C-alpha atoms as a PDB file:
ATOM      1  CA  UNK A   1     -28.968 -31.003  -7.049  1.00  0.00           C
ATOM      2  CA  UNK A   2     -31.517 -29.425  -9.293  1.00  0.00           C
ATOM      3  CA  UNK A   3     -32.587 -26.911  -6.687  1.00  0.00           C
ATOM      4  CA  UNK A   4     -29.173 -25.522  -6.191  1.00  0.00           C
ATOM      5  CA  UNK A   5     -28.390 -25.243  -9.887  1.00  0.00           C
ATOM      6  CA  UNK A   6     -31.664 -23.202 -10.283  1.00  0.00           C
ATOM      7  CA  UNK A   7     -31.038 -20.938  -7.403  1.00  0.00           C
ATOM      8  CA  UNK A   8     -27.474 -20.330  -8.382  1.00  0.00           C
ATOM      9  CA  UNK A   9     -28.609 -19.163 -11.853  1.00  0.00           C
ATOM     10  CA  UNK A  10     -31.152 -16.788 -10.333  1.00  0.00           C
ATOM     11  CA  UNK A  11     -28.686 -15.120  -8.057  1.00  0.00           C
ATOM     12  CA  UNK A  12     -25.432 -15.476  -9.458  1.00  0.00           C
ATOM     13  CA  UNK A  13     -22.631 -13.664  -7.345  1.00  0.00           C
ATOM     14  CA  UNK A  14     -20.468 -12.525 -10.273  1.00  0.00           C
ATOM     15  CA  UNK A  15     -18.485  -9.413 -10.062  1.00  0.00           C
ATOM     16  CA  UNK A  16     -16.723  -8.071 -13.157  1.00  0.00           C
ATOM     17  CA  UNK A  17     -13.115  -7.350 -12.872  1.00  0.00           C
ATOM     18  CA  UNK A  18     -12.113  -3.744 -14.036  1.00  0.00           C
ATOM     19  CA  UNK A  19      -9.501  -3.697 -16.862  1.00  0.00           C
ATOM     20  CA  UNK A  20      -8.215  -0.237 -15.634  1.00  0.00           C
ATOM     21  CA  UNK A  21      -7.715   1.524 -12.173  1.00  0.00           C
ATOM     22  CA  UNK A  22      -9.535   4.513 -13.729  1.00  0.00           C
ATOM     23  CA  UNK A  23     -12.605   5.576 -11.846  1.00  0.00           C
ATOM     24  CA  UNK A  24     -11.642   3.900  -8.533  1.00  0.00           C
ATOM     25  CA  UNK A  25     -11.379   6.230  -5.634  1.00  0.00           C
ATOM     26  CA  UNK A  26      -8.497   4.249  -4.195  1.00  0.00           C
ATOM     27  CA  UNK A  27      -6.340   4.745  -7.267  1.00  0.00           C
ATOM     28  CA  UNK A  28      -4.771   8.028  -5.799  1.00  0.00           C
ATOM     29  CA  UNK A  29      -3.710   5.825  -2.798  1.00  0.00           C
ATOM     30  CA  UNK A  30      -1.959   3.367  -5.087  1.00  0.00           C
ATOM     31  CA  UNK A  31      -0.495   6.249  -7.096  1.00  0.00           C
ATOM     32  CA  UNK A  32       0.965   7.808  -3.865  1.00  0.00           C
ATOM     33  CA  UNK A  33       2.501   4.426  -3.016  1.00  0.00           C
ATOM     34  CA  UNK A  34       4.016   4.221  -6.384  1.00  0.00           C
ATOM     35  CA  UNK A  35       5.528   7.786  -5.864  1.00  0.00           C
ATOM     36  CA  UNK A  36       6.926   6.768  -2.589  1.00  0.00           C
ATOM     37  CA  UNK A  37       8.521   3.607  -3.954  1.00  0.00           C
ATOM     38  CA  UNK A  38      10.018   5.582  -6.874  1.00  0.00           C
ATOM     39  CA  UNK A  39      11.561   7.869  -4.345  1.00  0.00           C
ATOM     40  CA  UNK A  40      12.601   5.564  -1.686  1.00  0.00           C
ATOM     41  CA  UNK A  41      11.862   1.932  -2.798  1.00  0.00           C
ATOM     42  CA  UNK A  42      15.049   0.356  -1.573  1.00  0.00           C
ATOM     43  CA  UNK A  43      14.776   1.636   2.058  1.00  0.00           C
ATOM     44  CA  UNK A  44      10.875   0.863   2.201  1.00  0.00           C
ATOM     45  CA  UNK A  45      11.279  -2.542   0.650  1.00  0.00           C
ATOM     46  CA  UNK A  46      14.139  -3.221   3.385  1.00  0.00           C
ATOM     47  CA  UNK A  47      11.514  -2.363   6.147  1.00  0.00           C
ATOM     48  CA  UNK A  48       8.318  -3.778   4.814  1.00  0.00           C
ATOM     49  CA  UNK A  49       9.569  -6.961   3.112  1.00  0.00           C
ATOM     50  CA  UNK A  50       6.100  -8.128   1.762  1.00  0.00           C
ATOM     51  CA  UNK A  51       3.739  -8.723  -1.212  1.00  0.00           C
ATOM     52  CA  UNK A  52       0.369  -7.325  -0.540  1.00  0.00           C
ATOM     53  CA  UNK A  53      -2.763  -7.927  -2.632  1.00  0.00           C
ATOM     54  CA  UNK A  54      -5.636  -5.354  -2.282  1.00  0.00           C
ATOM     55  CA  UNK A  55      -9.093  -6.758  -3.725  1.00  0.00           C
ATOM     56  CA  UNK A  56     -11.090  -3.467  -3.989  1.00  0.00           C
ATOM     57  CA  UNK A  57     -14.800  -3.943  -4.424  1.00  0.00           C
ATOM     58  CA  UNK A  58     -17.553  -1.379  -5.317  1.00  0.00           C
ATOM     59  CA  UNK A  59     -15.528   0.301  -8.197  1.00  0.00           C
ATOM     60  CA  UNK A  60     -16.985   2.029 -11.270  1.00  0.00           C
ATOM     61  CA  UNK A  61     -20.118   0.411 -12.481  1.00  0.00           C
ATOM     62  CA  UNK A  62     -19.738  -2.258  -9.342  1.00  0.00           C
ATOM     63  CA  UNK A  63     -16.505  -3.576 -10.741  1.00  0.00           C
ATOM     64  CA  UNK A  64     -13.755  -5.170  -8.761  1.00  0.00           C
ATOM     65  CA  UNK A  65     -10.051  -4.066  -8.847  1.00  0.00           C
ATOM     66  CA  UNK A  66      -7.078  -5.850  -7.737  1.00  0.00           C
ATOM     67  CA  UNK A  67      -3.706  -4.233  -6.925  1.00  0.00           C
ATOM     68  CA  UNK A  68      -0.595  -5.853  -6.144  1.00  0.00           C
ATOM     69  CA  UNK A  69       1.890  -3.683  -3.960  1.00  0.00           C
ATOM     70  CA  UNK A  70       5.397  -5.702  -3.886  1.00  0.00           C
ATOM     71  CA  UNK A  71       7.448  -4.277  -1.131  1.00  0.00           C
ATOM     72  CA  UNK A  72       9.689  -7.223  -1.133  1.00  0.00           C
ATOM     73  CA  UNK A  73      11.553  -7.245  -4.312  1.00  0.00           C
ATOM     74  CA  UNK A  74      14.137  -4.732  -5.830  1.00  0.00           C
ATOM     75  CA  UNK A  75      12.910  -1.247  -5.263  1.00  0.00           C
ATOM     76  CA  UNK A  76       9.226  -2.398  -5.168  1.00  0.00           C
ATOM     77  CA  UNK A  77       6.452  -1.786  -7.546  1.00  0.00           C
ATOM     78  CA  UNK A  78       2.648  -1.365  -7.791  1.00  0.00           C
ATOM     79  CA  UNK A  79       0.569  -3.253 -10.554  1.00  0.00           C
ATOM     80  CA  UNK A  80      -3.166  -3.179 -11.153  1.00  0.00           C
ATOM     81  CA  UNK A  81      -4.396  -6.633 -12.002  1.00  0.00           C
ATOM     82  CA  UNK A  82      -0.742  -7.902 -11.184  1.00  0.00           C
ATOM     83  CA  UNK A  83       0.077 -11.709 -11.207  1.00  0.00           C
ATOM     84  CA  UNK A  84       2.358 -11.610  -8.458  1.00  0.00           C
ATOM     85  CA  UNK A  85       1.398 -14.051  -5.533  1.00  0.00           C
ATOM     86  CA  UNK A  86       0.577 -11.787  -2.435  1.00  0.00           C
ATOM     87  CA  UNK A  87       1.785 -12.875   0.920  1.00  0.00           C
ATOM     88  CA  UNK A  88      -1.466 -11.430   2.185  1.00  0.00           C
ATOM     89  CA  UNK A  89      -4.641 -10.070   0.482  1.00  0.00           C
ATOM     90  CA  UNK A  90      -6.883  -7.395   1.813  1.00  0.00           C
ATOM     91  CA  UNK A  91     -10.619  -7.189   0.504  1.00  0.00           C
ATOM     92  CA  UNK A  92     -12.357  -4.027   1.095  1.00  0.00           C
ATOM     93  CA  UNK A  93     -14.835  -1.543  -0.496  1.00  0.00           C
ATOM     94  CA  UNK A  94     -13.141   1.204  -2.649  1.00  0.00           C
ATOM     95  CA  UNK A  95     -14.494   3.949  -0.151  1.00  0.00           C
ATOM     96  CA  UNK A  96     -13.364   1.976   2.968  1.00  0.00           C
ATOM     97  CA  UNK A  97      -9.970   1.476   1.756  1.00  0.00           C
ATOM     98  CA  UNK A  98      -9.578   5.142   1.029  1.00  0.00           C
ATOM     99  CA  UNK A  99     -10.733   5.951   4.485  1.00  0.00           C
ATOM    100  CA  UNK A 100      -8.447   3.211   6.021  1.00  0.00           C
ATOM    101  CA  UNK A 101      -5.465   4.534   4.310  1.00  0.00           C
ATOM    102  CA  UNK A 102      -6.171   8.281   5.079  1.00  0.00           C
ATOM    103  CA  UNK A 103      -6.947   7.626   8.855  1.00  0.00           C
ATOM    104  CA  UNK A 104     -10.620   8.206   8.592  1.00  0.00           C
ATOM    105  CA  UNK A 105     -11.414   4.712   9.325  1.00  0.00           C
ATOM    106  CA  UNK A 106      -9.953   2.932  12.199  1.00  0.00           C
ATOM    107  CA  UNK A 107      -8.356  -0.392  11.229  1.00  0.00           C
ATOM    108  CA  UNK A 108      -9.551  -2.239  14.408  1.00  0.00           C
ATOM    109  CA  UNK A 109     -13.245  -1.145  13.524  1.00  0.00           C
ATOM    110  CA  UNK A 110     -13.080  -1.836   9.876  1.00  0.00           C
ATOM    111  CA  UNK A 111     -13.378  -5.559  10.235  1.00  0.00           C
END
């Protein structure tokens, strides 16, 4: 209907995707995961056995980032804007993800 088209144009809910992880607070978390996978990926993959997507909102300039943590295949890997299909996707703000991963945010209270 015309009303909905008009409303949508006036209030678009478009968030631009970041082309780089630089400027995200959570980049340091994914850098640490990368380091852990390089050091002990085979053992971690053997225990975790999953591919996780992290949709991170509220990045630099209001952008959204997407990380894939593959802890299912080979020795594991972390990719920014990766194309692998995650088994599960977690969507959080940049600051909340950092707080969750560093123990400052209780996971049961985060949602």
